[in-house]
């Protein structure tokens, strides 16, 4: 069984969707194999496995406990110069305000793949 996240498919509500996309994609590019989960099916089939199945289970988070993860995403994007320090601070402040107003929204899809060994 394989379990993993596709770092490009993190879903975050924001007043600035373009900046949020930049943050997500820039942070994904800092991760080794950020898009590996979307390749699970092909990888297993190419390796000769049978009866390959893939499922996605999405965790939805709406509370302030996810603020450190969101700040880390923005700070990671800033470390690559994909966004400025001002954009980082502004975006994190927006997410804090959303959390304070009970309007934070973060969805993290997790992919699982399973297969049987070839005969």
PDB file of N, CA and C in Angstrom:
ATOM      1  N   UNK A   1       0.855  -1.176   0.000  1.00  0.00           N
ATOM      2  CA  UNK A   1       0.000   0.000   0.000  1.00  0.00           C
ATOM      3  C   UNK A   1       0.898   1.234   0.000  1.00  0.00           C
ATOM      4  N   UNK A   2       0.489   2.228  -0.758  1.00  0.00           N
ATOM      5  CA  UNK A   2       1.173   3.508  -0.802  1.00  0.00           C
ATOM      6  C   UNK A   2       0.242   4.574  -0.233  1.00  0.00           C
ATOM      7  N   UNK A   3       0.793   5.484   0.523  1.00  0.00           N
ATOM      8  CA  UNK A   3       0.022   6.575   1.106  1.00  0.00           C
ATOM      9  C   UNK A   3       0.823   7.849   0.936  1.00  0.00           C
ATOM     10  N   UNK A   4       0.184   8.887   0.415  1.00  0.00           N
ATOM     11  CA  UNK A   4       0.907  10.134   0.255  1.00  0.00           C
ATOM     12  C   UNK A   4       0.015  11.269  -0.162  1.00  0.00           C
ATOM     13  N   UNK A   5       0.617  12.428  -0.158  1.00  0.00           N
ATOM     14  CA  UNK A   5      -0.079  13.664  -0.471  1.00  0.00           C
ATOM     15  C   UNK A   5       0.489  14.234  -1.758  1.00  0.00           C
ATOM     16  N   UNK A   6      -0.376  14.817  -2.550  1.00  0.00           N
ATOM     17  CA  UNK A   6       0.049  15.568  -3.728  1.00  0.00           C
ATOM     18  C   UNK A   6       0.116  17.024  -3.284  1.00  0.00           C
ATOM     19  N   UNK A   7       1.328  17.541  -3.146  1.00  0.00           N
ATOM     20  CA  UNK A   7       1.525  18.861  -2.563  1.00  0.00           C
ATOM     21  C   UNK A   7       0.930  19.985  -3.401  1.00  0.00           C
ATOM     22  N   UNK A   8       0.647  19.740  -4.670  1.00  0.00           N
ATOM     23  CA  UNK A   8       0.014  20.764  -5.508  1.00  0.00           C
ATOM     24  C   UNK A   8      -1.496  20.834  -5.317  1.00  0.00           C
ATOM     25  N   UNK A   9      -2.073  19.894  -4.597  1.00  0.00           N
ATOM     26  CA  UNK A   9      -3.533  19.870  -4.469  1.00  0.00           C
ATOM     27  C   UNK A   9      -4.023  20.307  -3.092  1.00  0.00           C
ATOM     28  N   UNK A  10      -3.232  21.047  -2.375  1.00  0.00           N
ATOM     29  CA  UNK A  10      -3.687  21.625  -1.113  1.00  0.00           C
ATOM     30  C   UNK A  10      -4.688  22.735  -1.451  1.00  0.00           C
ATOM     31  N   UNK A  11      -5.810  22.739  -0.762  1.00  0.00           N
ATOM     32  CA  UNK A  11      -6.880  23.691  -1.042  1.00  0.00           C
ATOM     33  C   UNK A  11      -7.014  24.634   0.152  1.00  0.00           C
ATOM     34  N   UNK A  12      -6.864  25.926  -0.113  1.00  0.00           N
ATOM     35  CA  UNK A  12      -6.908  26.935   0.950  1.00  0.00           C
ATOM     36  C   UNK A  12      -7.802  28.085   0.487  1.00  0.00           C
ATOM     37  N   UNK A  13      -8.735  28.471   1.340  1.00  0.00           N
ATOM     38  CA  UNK A  13      -9.559  29.638   1.020  1.00  0.00           C
ATOM     39  C   UNK A  13      -8.771  30.894   1.337  1.00  0.00           C
ATOM     40  N   UNK A  14      -8.826  31.852   0.427  1.00  0.00           N
ATOM     41  CA  UNK A  14      -8.093  33.102   0.598  1.00  0.00           C
ATOM     42  C   UNK A  14      -8.741  34.183  -0.267  1.00  0.00           C
ATOM     43  N   UNK A  15      -8.570  35.415   0.149  1.00  0.00           N
ATOM     44  CA  UNK A  15      -9.046  36.545  -0.650  1.00  0.00           C
ATOM     45  C   UNK A  15      -8.185  36.749  -1.890  1.00  0.00           C
ATOM     46  N   UNK A  16      -7.011  36.135  -1.916  1.00  0.00           N
ATOM     47  CA  UNK A  16      -6.093  36.273  -3.043  1.00  0.00           C
ATOM     48  C   UNK A  16      -5.738  34.886  -3.588  1.00  0.00           C
ATOM     49  N   UNK A  17      -6.615  34.314  -4.422  1.00  0.00           N
ATOM     50  CA  UNK A  17      -6.364  32.955  -4.911  1.00  0.00           C
ATOM     51  C   UNK A  17      -5.095  32.831  -5.750  1.00  0.00           C
ATOM     52  N   UNK A  18      -4.729  33.861  -6.470  1.00  0.00           N
ATOM     53  CA  UNK A  18      -3.508  33.771  -7.286  1.00  0.00           C
ATOM     54  C   UNK A  18      -2.272  33.658  -6.390  1.00  0.00           C
ATOM     55  N   UNK A  19      -2.222  34.465  -5.349  1.00  0.00           N
ATOM     56  CA  UNK A  19      -1.104  34.382  -4.413  1.00  0.00           C
ATOM     57  C   UNK A  19      -1.094  33.029  -3.710  1.00  0.00           C
ATOM     58  N   UNK A  20      -2.262  32.549  -3.339  1.00  0.00           N
ATOM     59  CA  UNK A  20      -2.358  31.257  -2.670  1.00  0.00           C
ATOM     60  C   UNK A  20      -1.846  30.141  -3.576  1.00  0.00           C
ATOM     61  N   UNK A  21      -2.205  30.173  -4.860  1.00  0.00           N
ATOM     62  CA  UNK A  21      -1.676  29.174  -5.816  1.00  0.00           C
ATOM     63  C   UNK A  21      -0.159  29.258  -5.888  1.00  0.00           C
ATOM     64  N   UNK A  22       0.376  30.460  -5.922  1.00  0.00           N
ATOM     65  CA  UNK A  22       1.831  30.636  -5.970  1.00  0.00           C
ATOM     66  C   UNK A  22       2.475  30.033  -4.727  1.00  0.00           C
ATOM     67  N   UNK A  23       1.886  30.278  -3.572  1.00  0.00           N
ATOM     68  CA  UNK A  23       2.409  29.739  -2.317  1.00  0.00           C
ATOM     69  C   UNK A  23       2.401  28.218  -2.341  1.00  0.00           C
ATOM     70  N   UNK A  24       1.271  27.638  -2.707  1.00  0.00           N
ATOM     71  CA  UNK A  24       1.147  26.175  -2.721  1.00  0.00           C
ATOM     72  C   UNK A  24       2.143  25.556  -3.691  1.00  0.00           C
ATOM     73  N   UNK A  25       2.222  26.079  -4.898  1.00  0.00           N
ATOM     74  CA  UNK A  25       3.118  25.491  -5.901  1.00  0.00           C
ATOM     75  C   UNK A  25       4.585  25.696  -5.553  1.00  0.00           C
ATOM     76  N   UNK A  26       4.933  26.873  -5.041  1.00  0.00           N
ATOM     77  CA  UNK A  26       6.329  27.128  -4.663  1.00  0.00           C
ATOM     78  C   UNK A  26       6.736  26.227  -3.504  1.00  0.00           C
ATOM     79  N   UNK A  27       5.857  26.049  -2.535  1.00  0.00           N
ATOM     80  CA  UNK A  27       6.175  25.177  -1.402  1.00  0.00           C
ATOM     81  C   UNK A  27       6.264  23.727  -1.859  1.00  0.00           C
ATOM     82  N   UNK A  28       5.396  23.335  -2.777  1.00  0.00           N
ATOM     83  CA  UNK A  28       5.447  21.967  -3.298  1.00  0.00           C
ATOM     84  C   UNK A  28       6.791  21.681  -3.934  1.00  0.00           C
ATOM     85  N   UNK A  29       7.319  22.656  -4.642  1.00  0.00           N
ATOM     86  CA  UNK A  29       8.588  22.452  -5.342  1.00  0.00           C
ATOM     87  C   UNK A  29       9.773  22.293  -4.395  1.00  0.00           C
ATOM     88  N   UNK A  30       9.595  22.582  -3.108  1.00  0.00           N
ATOM     89  CA  UNK A  30      10.646  22.359  -2.122  1.00  0.00           C
ATOM     90  C   UNK A  30      10.654  20.924  -1.603  1.00  0.00           C
ATOM     91  N   UNK A  31       9.640  20.155  -1.956  1.00  0.00           N
ATOM     92  CA  UNK A  31       9.471  18.800  -1.456  1.00  0.00           C
ATOM     93  C   UNK A  31       9.976  17.795  -2.484  1.00  0.00           C
ATOM     94  N   UNK A  32      10.689  16.800  -2.016  1.00  0.00           N
ATOM     95  CA  UNK A  32      11.126  15.734  -2.921  1.00  0.00           C
ATOM     96  C   UNK A  32       9.886  14.964  -3.388  1.00  0.00           C
ATOM     97  N   UNK A  33       9.689  14.861  -4.676  1.00  0.00           N
ATOM     98  CA  UNK A  33       8.543  14.132  -5.228  1.00  0.00           C
ATOM     99  C   UNK A  33       7.206  14.715  -4.841  1.00  0.00           C
ATOM    100  N   UNK A  34       7.000  16.027  -5.017  1.00  0.00           N
ATOM    101  CA  UNK A  34       5.760  16.638  -4.547  1.00  0.00           C
ATOM    102  C   UNK A  34       4.501  16.130  -5.252  1.00  0.00           C
ATOM    103  N   UNK A  35       4.648  15.545  -6.417  1.00  0.00           N
ATOM    104  CA  UNK A  35       3.493  15.070  -7.185  1.00  0.00           C
ATOM    105  C   UNK A  35       3.479  13.546  -7.329  1.00  0.00           C
ATOM    106  N   UNK A  36       4.223  12.872  -6.483  1.00  0.00           N
ATOM    107  CA  UNK A  36       4.345  11.410  -6.587  1.00  0.00           C
ATOM    108  C   UNK A  36       3.002  10.700  -6.404  1.00  0.00           C
ATOM    109  N   UNK A  37       2.160  11.205  -5.527  1.00  0.00           N
ATOM    110  CA  UNK A  37       0.901  10.516  -5.240  1.00  0.00           C
ATOM    111  C   UNK A  37       0.013  10.396  -6.471  1.00  0.00           C
ATOM    112  N   UNK A  38       0.053  11.379  -7.354  1.00  0.00           N
ATOM    113  CA  UNK A  38      -0.780  11.296  -8.561  1.00  0.00           C
ATOM    114  C   UNK A  38      -0.235  10.260  -9.542  1.00  0.00           C
ATOM    115  N   UNK A  39       0.967   9.796  -9.293  1.00  0.00           N
ATOM    116  CA  UNK A  39       1.604   8.808 -10.168  1.00  0.00           C
ATOM    117  C   UNK A  39       1.510   7.383  -9.626  1.00  0.00           C
ATOM    118  N   UNK A  40       0.925   7.205  -8.453  1.00  0.00           N
ATOM    119  CA  UNK A  40       0.900   5.873  -7.826  1.00  0.00           C
ATOM    120  C   UNK A  40       0.358   4.794  -8.750  1.00  0.00           C
ATOM    121  N   UNK A  41      -0.767   5.059  -9.389  1.00  0.00           N
ATOM    122  CA  UNK A  41      -1.376   4.041 -10.244  1.00  0.00           C
ATOM    123  C   UNK A  41      -0.425   3.639 -11.362  1.00  0.00           C
ATOM    124  N   UNK A  42       0.118   4.612 -12.070  1.00  0.00           N
ATOM    125  CA  UNK A  42       1.028   4.303 -13.175  1.00  0.00           C
ATOM    126  C   UNK A  42       2.278   3.589 -12.680  1.00  0.00           C
ATOM    127  N   UNK A  43       2.810   4.029 -11.557  1.00  0.00           N
ATOM    128  CA  UNK A  43       4.008   3.390 -11.020  1.00  0.00           C
ATOM    129  C   UNK A  43       3.770   1.922 -10.702  1.00  0.00           C
ATOM    130  N   UNK A  44       2.643   1.633 -10.073  1.00  0.00           N
ATOM    131  CA  UNK A  44       2.335   0.243  -9.734  1.00  0.00           C
ATOM    132  C   UNK A  44       2.082  -0.591 -10.988  1.00  0.00           C
ATOM    133  N   UNK A  45       1.339  -0.041 -11.932  1.00  0.00           N
ATOM    134  CA  UNK A  45       1.100  -0.772 -13.186  1.00  0.00           C
ATOM    135  C   UNK A  45       2.398  -0.998 -13.951  1.00  0.00           C
ATOM    136  N   UNK A  46       3.238   0.019 -14.014  1.00  0.00           N
ATOM    137  CA  UNK A  46       4.524  -0.120 -14.719  1.00  0.00           C
ATOM    138  C   UNK A  46       5.433  -1.142 -14.054  1.00  0.00           C
ATOM    139  N   UNK A  47       5.267  -1.327 -12.750  1.00  0.00           N
ATOM    140  CA  UNK A  47       6.072  -2.311 -12.022  1.00  0.00           C
ATOM    141  C   UNK A  47       5.486  -3.712 -12.119  1.00  0.00           C
ATOM    142  N   UNK A  48       4.359  -3.842 -12.823  1.00  0.00           N
ATOM    143  CA  UNK A  48       3.773  -5.165 -13.051  1.00  0.00           C
ATOM    144  C   UNK A  48       2.736  -5.600 -12.034  1.00  0.00           C
ATOM    145  N   UNK A  49       2.301  -4.715 -11.171  1.00  0.00           N
ATOM    146  CA  UNK A  49       1.285  -5.087 -10.191  1.00  0.00           C
ATOM    147  C   UNK A  49      -0.080  -5.189 -10.859  1.00  0.00           C
ATOM    148  N   UNK A  50      -0.960  -5.982 -10.246  1.00  0.00           N
ATOM    149  CA  UNK A  50      -2.318  -6.201 -10.740  1.00  0.00           C
ATOM    150  C   UNK A  50      -3.329  -5.557  -9.793  1.00  0.00           C
ATOM    151  N   UNK A  51      -4.552  -5.412 -10.285  1.00  0.00           N
ATOM    152  CA  UNK A  51      -5.676  -4.934  -9.487  1.00  0.00           C
ATOM    153  C   UNK A  51      -5.322  -3.666  -8.702  1.00  0.00           C
ATOM    154  N   UNK A  52      -4.811  -2.694  -9.399  1.00  0.00           N
ATOM    155  CA  UNK A  52      -4.407  -1.437  -8.769  1.00  0.00           C
ATOM    156  C   UNK A  52      -5.640  -0.588  -8.476  1.00  0.00           C
ATOM    157  N   UNK A  53      -5.737  -0.131  -7.251  1.00  0.00           N
ATOM    158  CA  UNK A  53      -6.810   0.782  -6.871  1.00  0.00           C
ATOM    159  C   UNK A  53      -6.195   2.024  -6.225  1.00  0.00           C
ATOM    160  N   UNK A  54      -6.835   3.145  -6.447  1.00  0.00           N
ATOM    161  CA  UNK A  54      -6.400   4.399  -5.845  1.00  0.00           C
ATOM    162  C   UNK A  54      -7.626   5.081  -5.248  1.00  0.00           C
ATOM    163  N   UNK A  55      -7.483   5.559  -4.035  1.00  0.00           N
ATOM    164  CA  UNK A  55      -8.544   6.303  -3.371  1.00  0.00           C
ATOM    165  C   UNK A  55      -7.963   7.601  -2.834  1.00  0.00           C
ATOM    166  N   UNK A  56      -8.827   8.570  -2.653  1.00  0.00           N
ATOM    167  CA  UNK A  56      -8.410   9.823  -2.029  1.00  0.00           C
ATOM    168  C   UNK A  56      -9.326  10.083  -0.837  1.00  0.00           C
ATOM    169  N   UNK A  57      -8.714  10.468   0.253  1.00  0.00           N
ATOM    170  CA  UNK A  57      -9.432  10.835   1.469  1.00  0.00           C
ATOM    171  C   UNK A  57      -8.962  12.247   1.824  1.00  0.00           C
ATOM    172  N   UNK A  58      -9.903  13.154   1.930  1.00  0.00           N
ATOM    173  CA  UNK A  58      -9.551  14.552   2.136  1.00  0.00           C
ATOM    174  C   UNK A  58      -9.897  14.980   3.552  1.00  0.00           C
ATOM    175  N   UNK A  59      -8.879  15.466   4.242  1.00  0.00           N
ATOM    176  CA  UNK A  59      -9.097  16.056   5.558  1.00  0.00           C
ATOM    177  C   UNK A  59      -9.438  17.524   5.388  1.00  0.00           C
ATOM    178  N   UNK A  60     -10.487  17.959   6.045  1.00  0.00           N
ATOM    179  CA  UNK A  60     -10.893  19.362   5.994  1.00  0.00           C
ATOM    180  C   UNK A  60     -10.669  19.949   7.383  1.00  0.00           C
ATOM    181  N   UNK A  61      -9.937  21.070   7.415  1.00  0.00           N
ATOM    182  CA  UNK A  61      -9.564  21.696   8.668  1.00  0.00           C
ATOM    183  C   UNK A  61     -10.040  23.144   8.662  1.00  0.00           C
ATOM    184  N   UNK A  62     -10.659  23.550   9.760  1.00  0.00           N
ATOM    185  CA  UNK A  62     -11.243  24.883   9.815  1.00  0.00           C
ATOM    186  C   UNK A  62     -10.826  25.664  11.058  1.00  0.00           C
ATOM    187  N   UNK A  63      -9.923  25.109  11.833  1.00  0.00           N
ATOM    188  CA  UNK A  63      -9.559  25.771  13.080  1.00  0.00           C
ATOM    189  C   UNK A  63      -8.144  26.304  13.102  1.00  0.00           C
ATOM    190  N   UNK A  64      -7.823  27.042  14.145  1.00  0.00           N
ATOM    191  CA  UNK A  64      -6.519  27.694  14.256  1.00  0.00           C
ATOM    192  C   UNK A  64      -5.346  26.726  14.414  1.00  0.00           C
ATOM    193  N   UNK A  65      -5.600  25.476  14.703  1.00  0.00           N
ATOM    194  CA  UNK A  65      -4.513  24.510  14.856  1.00  0.00           C
ATOM    195  C   UNK A  65      -3.687  24.371  13.578  1.00  0.00           C
ATOM    196  N   UNK A  66      -4.265  24.725  12.426  1.00  0.00           N
ATOM    197  CA  UNK A  66      -3.552  24.596  11.153  1.00  0.00           C
ATOM    198  C   UNK A  66      -2.756  25.849  10.794  1.00  0.00           C
ATOM    199  N   UNK A  67      -2.815  26.890  11.602  1.00  0.00           N
ATOM    200  CA  UNK A  67      -2.074  28.116  11.298  1.00  0.00           C
ATOM    201  C   UNK A  67      -0.562  27.885  11.159  1.00  0.00           C
ATOM    202  N   UNK A  68       0.061  27.057  11.998  1.00  0.00           N
ATOM    203  CA  UNK A  68       1.503  26.814  11.793  1.00  0.00           C
ATOM    204  C   UNK A  68       1.801  26.171  10.435  1.00  0.00           C
ATOM    205  N   UNK A  69       0.957  25.266   9.989  1.00  0.00           N
ATOM    206  CA  UNK A  69       1.165  24.659   8.669  1.00  0.00           C
ATOM    207  C   UNK A  69       1.018  25.708   7.574  1.00  0.00           C
ATOM    208  N   UNK A  70      -0.008  26.546   7.669  1.00  0.00           N
ATOM    209  CA  UNK A  70      -0.221  27.586   6.663  1.00  0.00           C
ATOM    210  C   UNK A  70       0.929  28.585   6.654  1.00  0.00           C
ATOM    211  N   UNK A  71       1.388  28.977   7.828  1.00  0.00           N
ATOM    212  CA  UNK A  71       2.525  29.902   7.897  1.00  0.00           C
ATOM    213  C   UNK A  71       3.764  29.256   7.285  1.00  0.00           C
ATOM    214  N   UNK A  72       3.943  27.972   7.535  1.00  0.00           N
ATOM    215  CA  UNK A  72       5.088  27.267   6.956  1.00  0.00           C
ATOM    216  C   UNK A  72       5.038  27.216   5.440  1.00  0.00           C
ATOM    217  N   UNK A  73       3.846  27.051   4.898  1.00  0.00           N
ATOM    218  CA  UNK A  73       3.710  27.064   3.445  1.00  0.00           C
ATOM    219  C   UNK A  73       4.149  28.413   2.879  1.00  0.00           C
ATOM    220  N   UNK A  74       3.650  29.490   3.484  1.00  0.00           N
ATOM    221  CA  UNK A  74       3.984  30.833   2.995  1.00  0.00           C
ATOM    222  C   UNK A  74       5.467  31.134   3.189  1.00  0.00           C
ATOM    223  N   UNK A  75       6.010  30.769   4.333  1.00  0.00           N
ATOM    224  CA  UNK A  75       7.426  31.017   4.591  1.00  0.00           C
ATOM    225  C   UNK A  75       8.315  30.210   3.641  1.00  0.00           C
ATOM    226  N   UNK A  76       7.885  28.994   3.326  1.00  0.00           N
ATOM    227  CA  UNK A  76       8.632  28.188   2.354  1.00  0.00           C
ATOM    228  C   UNK A  76       8.632  28.841   0.990  1.00  0.00           C
ATOM    229  N   UNK A  77       7.491  29.358   0.579  1.00  0.00           N
ATOM    230  CA  UNK A  77       7.406  30.048  -0.718  1.00  0.00           C
ATOM    231  C   UNK A  77       8.275  31.297  -0.716  1.00  0.00           C
ATOM    232  N   UNK A  78       8.298  31.991   0.410  1.00  0.00           N
ATOM    233  CA  UNK A  78       9.118  33.199   0.525  1.00  0.00           C
ATOM    234  C   UNK A  78      10.605  32.837   0.445  1.00  0.00           C
ATOM    235  N   UNK A  79      10.980  31.707   1.011  1.00  0.00           N
ATOM    236  CA  UNK A  79      12.391  31.301   1.005  1.00  0.00           C
ATOM    237  C   UNK A  79      12.918  31.041  -0.398  1.00  0.00           C
ATOM    238  N   UNK A  80      12.016  30.796  -1.340  1.00  0.00           N
ATOM    239  CA  UNK A  80      12.427  30.572  -2.729  1.00  0.00           C
ATOM    240  C   UNK A  80      12.303  31.841  -3.570  1.00  0.00           C
ATOM    241  N   UNK A  81      11.899  32.929  -2.924  1.00  0.00           N
ATOM    242  CA  UNK A  81      11.661  34.218  -3.579  1.00  0.00           C
ATOM    243  C   UNK A  81      10.467  34.184  -4.528  1.00  0.00           C
ATOM    244  N   UNK A  82       9.589  33.198  -4.354  1.00  0.00           N
ATOM    245  CA  UNK A  82       8.371  33.142  -5.165  1.00  0.00           C
ATOM    246  C   UNK A  82       7.407  34.247  -4.752  1.00  0.00           C
ATOM    247  N   UNK A  83       7.465  34.622  -3.467  1.00  0.00           N
ATOM    248  CA  UNK A  83       6.663  35.735  -2.960  1.00  0.00           C
ATOM    249  C   UNK A  83       7.563  36.589  -2.072  1.00  0.00           C
ATOM    250  N   UNK A  84       7.124  37.814  -1.827  1.00  0.00           N
ATOM    251  CA  UNK A  84       7.917  38.745  -1.023  1.00  0.00           C
ATOM    252  C   UNK A  84       7.623  38.539   0.472  1.00  0.00           C
ATOM    253  N   UNK A  85       8.452  39.138   1.304  1.00  0.00           N
ATOM    254  CA  UNK A  85       8.202  39.107   2.750  1.00  0.00           C
ATOM    255  C   UNK A  85       6.886  39.799   3.074  1.00  0.00           C
ATOM    256  N   UNK A  86       6.596  40.875   2.369  1.00  0.00           N
ATOM    257  CA  UNK A  86       5.340  41.590   2.607  1.00  0.00           C
ATOM    258  C   UNK A  86       4.140  40.718   2.245  1.00  0.00           C
ATOM    259  N   UNK A  87       4.219  40.020   1.118  1.00  0.00           N
ATOM    260  CA  UNK A  87       3.128  39.112   0.734  1.00  0.00           C
ATOM    261  C   UNK A  87       2.985  37.993   1.760  1.00  0.00           C
ATOM    262  N   UNK A  88       4.108  37.481   2.230  1.00  0.00           N
ATOM    263  CA  UNK A  88       4.083  36.419   3.241  1.00  0.00           C
ATOM    264  C   UNK A  88       3.361  36.902   4.488  1.00  0.00           C
ATOM    265  N   UNK A  89       3.781  38.037   5.012  1.00  0.00           N
ATOM    266  CA  UNK A  89       3.185  38.561   6.243  1.00  0.00           C
ATOM    267  C   UNK A  89       1.698  38.858   6.060  1.00  0.00           C
ATOM    268  N   UNK A  90       1.341  39.438   4.922  1.00  0.00           N
ATOM    269  CA  UNK A  90      -0.054  39.774   4.648  1.00  0.00           C
ATOM    270  C   UNK A  90      -0.914  38.520   4.540  1.00  0.00           C
ATOM    271  N   UNK A  91      -0.409  37.522   3.839  1.00  0.00           N
ATOM    272  CA  UNK A  91      -1.176  36.282   3.641  1.00  0.00           C
ATOM    273  C   UNK A  91      -1.370  35.547   4.959  1.00  0.00           C
ATOM    274  N   UNK A  92      -0.288  35.473   5.768  1.00  0.00           N
ATOM    275  CA  UNK A  92      -0.406  34.823   7.085  1.00  0.00           C
ATOM    276  C   UNK A  92      -1.386  35.591   7.967  1.00  0.00           C
ATOM    277  N   UNK A  93      -1.335  36.929   7.923  1.00  0.00           N
ATOM    278  CA  UNK A  93      -2.280  37.736   8.706  1.00  0.00           C
ATOM    279  C   UNK A  93      -3.717  37.465   8.276  1.00  0.00           C
ATOM    280  N   UNK A  94      -3.922  37.319   6.959  1.00  0.00           N
ATOM    281  CA  UNK A  94      -5.274  37.000   6.486  1.00  0.00           C
ATOM    282  C   UNK A  94      -5.738  35.656   7.036  1.00  0.00           C
ATOM    283  N   UNK A  95      -4.858  34.675   7.015  1.00  0.00           N
ATOM    284  CA  UNK A  95      -5.237  33.350   7.512  1.00  0.00           C
ATOM    285  C   UNK A  95      -5.509  33.383   9.023  1.00  0.00           C
ATOM    286  N   UNK A  96      -4.738  34.177   9.759  1.00  0.00           N
ATOM    287  CA  UNK A  96      -5.001  34.342  11.205  1.00  0.00           C
ATOM    288  C   UNK A  96      -6.369  34.982  11.428  1.00  0.00           C
ATOM    289  N   UNK A  97      -6.668  36.012  10.628  1.00  0.00           N
ATOM    290  CA  UNK A  97      -7.968  36.683  10.750  1.00  0.00           C
ATOM    291  C   UNK A  97      -9.097  35.715  10.408  1.00  0.00           C
ATOM    292  N   UNK A  98      -8.894  34.877   9.400  1.00  0.00           N
ATOM    293  CA  UNK A  98      -9.900  33.885   9.061  1.00  0.00           C
ATOM    294  C   UNK A  98     -10.108  32.919  10.224  1.00  0.00           C
ATOM    295  N   UNK A  99      -9.012  32.483  10.837  1.00  0.00           N
ATOM    296  CA  UNK A  99      -9.125  31.571  11.980  1.00  0.00           C
ATOM    297  C   UNK A  99      -9.872  32.242  13.131  1.00  0.00           C
ATOM    298  N   UNK A 100      -9.535  33.492  13.409  1.00  0.00           N
ATOM    299  CA  UNK A 100     -10.204  34.231  14.495  1.00  0.00           C
ATOM    300  C   UNK A 100     -11.696  34.393  14.235  1.00  0.00           C
ATOM    301  N   UNK A 101     -12.074  34.517  12.956  1.00  0.00           N
ATOM    302  CA  UNK A 101     -13.483  34.700  12.590  1.00  0.00           C
ATOM    303  C   UNK A 101     -14.177  33.373  12.272  1.00  0.00           C
ATOM    304  N   UNK A 102     -13.495  32.259  12.536  1.00  0.00           N
ATOM    305  CA  UNK A 102     -14.013  30.921  12.218  1.00  0.00           C
ATOM    306  C   UNK A 102     -14.319  30.788  10.731  1.00  0.00           C
ATOM    307  N   UNK A 103     -13.419  31.303   9.884  1.00  0.00           N
ATOM    308  CA  UNK A 103     -13.572  31.245   8.431  1.00  0.00           C
ATOM    309  C   UNK A 103     -12.385  30.580   7.736  1.00  0.00           C
ATOM    310  N   UNK A 104     -11.492  29.991   8.506  1.00  0.00           N
ATOM    311  CA  UNK A 104     -10.348  29.307   7.916  1.00  0.00           C
ATOM    312  C   UNK A 104     -10.825  28.040   7.215  1.00  0.00           C
ATOM    313  N   UNK A 105     -10.240  27.749   6.061  1.00  0.00           N
ATOM    314  CA  UNK A 105     -10.581  26.521   5.333  1.00  0.00           C
ATOM    315  C   UNK A 105      -9.325  25.979   4.669  1.00  0.00           C
ATOM    316  N   UNK A 106      -8.996  24.749   5.018  1.00  0.00           N
ATOM    317  CA  UNK A 106      -7.859  24.043   4.454  1.00  0.00           C
ATOM    318  C   UNK A 106      -8.288  22.607   4.201  1.00  0.00           C
ATOM    319  N   UNK A 107      -8.072  22.132   2.986  1.00  0.00           N
ATOM    320  CA  UNK A 107      -8.377  20.738   2.653  1.00  0.00           C
ATOM    321  C   UNK A 107      -7.099  20.071   2.149  1.00  0.00           C
ATOM    322  N   UNK A 108      -6.791  18.904   2.738  1.00  0.00           N
ATOM    323  CA  UNK A 108      -5.587  18.153   2.390  1.00  0.00           C
ATOM    324  C   UNK A 108      -5.972  16.768   1.877  1.00  0.00           C
ATOM    325  N   UNK A 109      -5.920  16.570   0.570  1.00  0.00           N
ATOM    326  CA  UNK A 109      -6.210  15.239   0.033  1.00  0.00           C
ATOM    327  C   UNK A 109      -5.024  14.302   0.268  1.00  0.00           C
ATOM    328  N   UNK A 110      -5.342  13.101   0.755  1.00  0.00           N
ATOM    329  CA  UNK A 110      -4.338  12.045   0.937  1.00  0.00           C
ATOM    330  C   UNK A 110      -4.718  10.880   0.021  1.00  0.00           C
ATOM    331  N   UNK A 111      -3.761  10.417  -0.739  1.00  0.00           N
ATOM    332  CA  UNK A 111      -3.986   9.350  -1.705  1.00  0.00           C
ATOM    333  C   UNK A 111      -3.477   8.023  -1.164  1.00  0.00           C
ATOM    334  N   UNK A 112      -4.277   6.986  -1.343  1.00  0.00           N
ATOM    335  CA  UNK A 112      -3.842   5.631  -1.005  1.00  0.00           C
ATOM    336  C   UNK A 112      -3.955   4.775  -2.266  1.00  0.00           C
ATOM    337  N   UNK A 113      -2.972   3.961  -2.454  1.00  0.00           N
ATOM    338  CA  UNK A 113      -2.983   3.045  -3.608  1.00  0.00           C
ATOM    339  C   UNK A 113      -2.657   1.655  -3.090  1.00  0.00           C
ATOM    340  N   UNK A 114      -3.322   0.685  -3.656  1.00  0.00           N
ATOM    341  CA  UNK A 114      -3.081  -0.706  -3.295  1.00  0.00           C
ATOM    342  C   UNK A 114      -3.071  -1.538  -4.569  1.00  0.00           C
ATOM    343  N   UNK A 115      -2.421  -2.682  -4.493  1.00  0.00           N
ATOM    344  CA  UNK A 115      -2.336  -3.562  -5.663  1.00  0.00           C
ATOM    345  C   UNK A 115      -1.995  -4.969  -5.186  1.00  0.00           C
ATOM    346  N   UNK A 116      -2.190  -5.905  -6.074  1.00  0.00           N
ATOM    347  CA  UNK A 116      -1.761  -7.264  -5.796  1.00  0.00           C
ATOM    348  C   UNK A 116      -0.490  -7.557  -6.583  1.00  0.00           C
ATOM    349  N   UNK A 117       0.299  -8.436  -6.029  1.00  0.00           N
ATOM    350  CA  UNK A 117       1.543  -8.785  -6.714  1.00  0.00           C
ATOM    351  C   UNK A 117       1.219  -9.617  -7.948  1.00  0.00           C
ATOM    352  N   UNK A 118       2.037  -9.492  -8.978  1.00  0.00           N
ATOM    353  CA  UNK A 118       1.794 -10.268 -10.193  1.00  0.00           C
ATOM    354  C   UNK A 118       1.967 -11.765  -9.926  1.00  0.00           C
ATOM    355  N   UNK A 119       1.243 -12.552 -10.706  1.00  0.00           N
ATOM    356  CA  UNK A 119       1.333 -14.021 -10.517  1.00  0.00           C
ATOM    357  C   UNK A 119       2.538 -14.581 -11.200  1.00  0.00           C
TER     358      UNK A 119
END
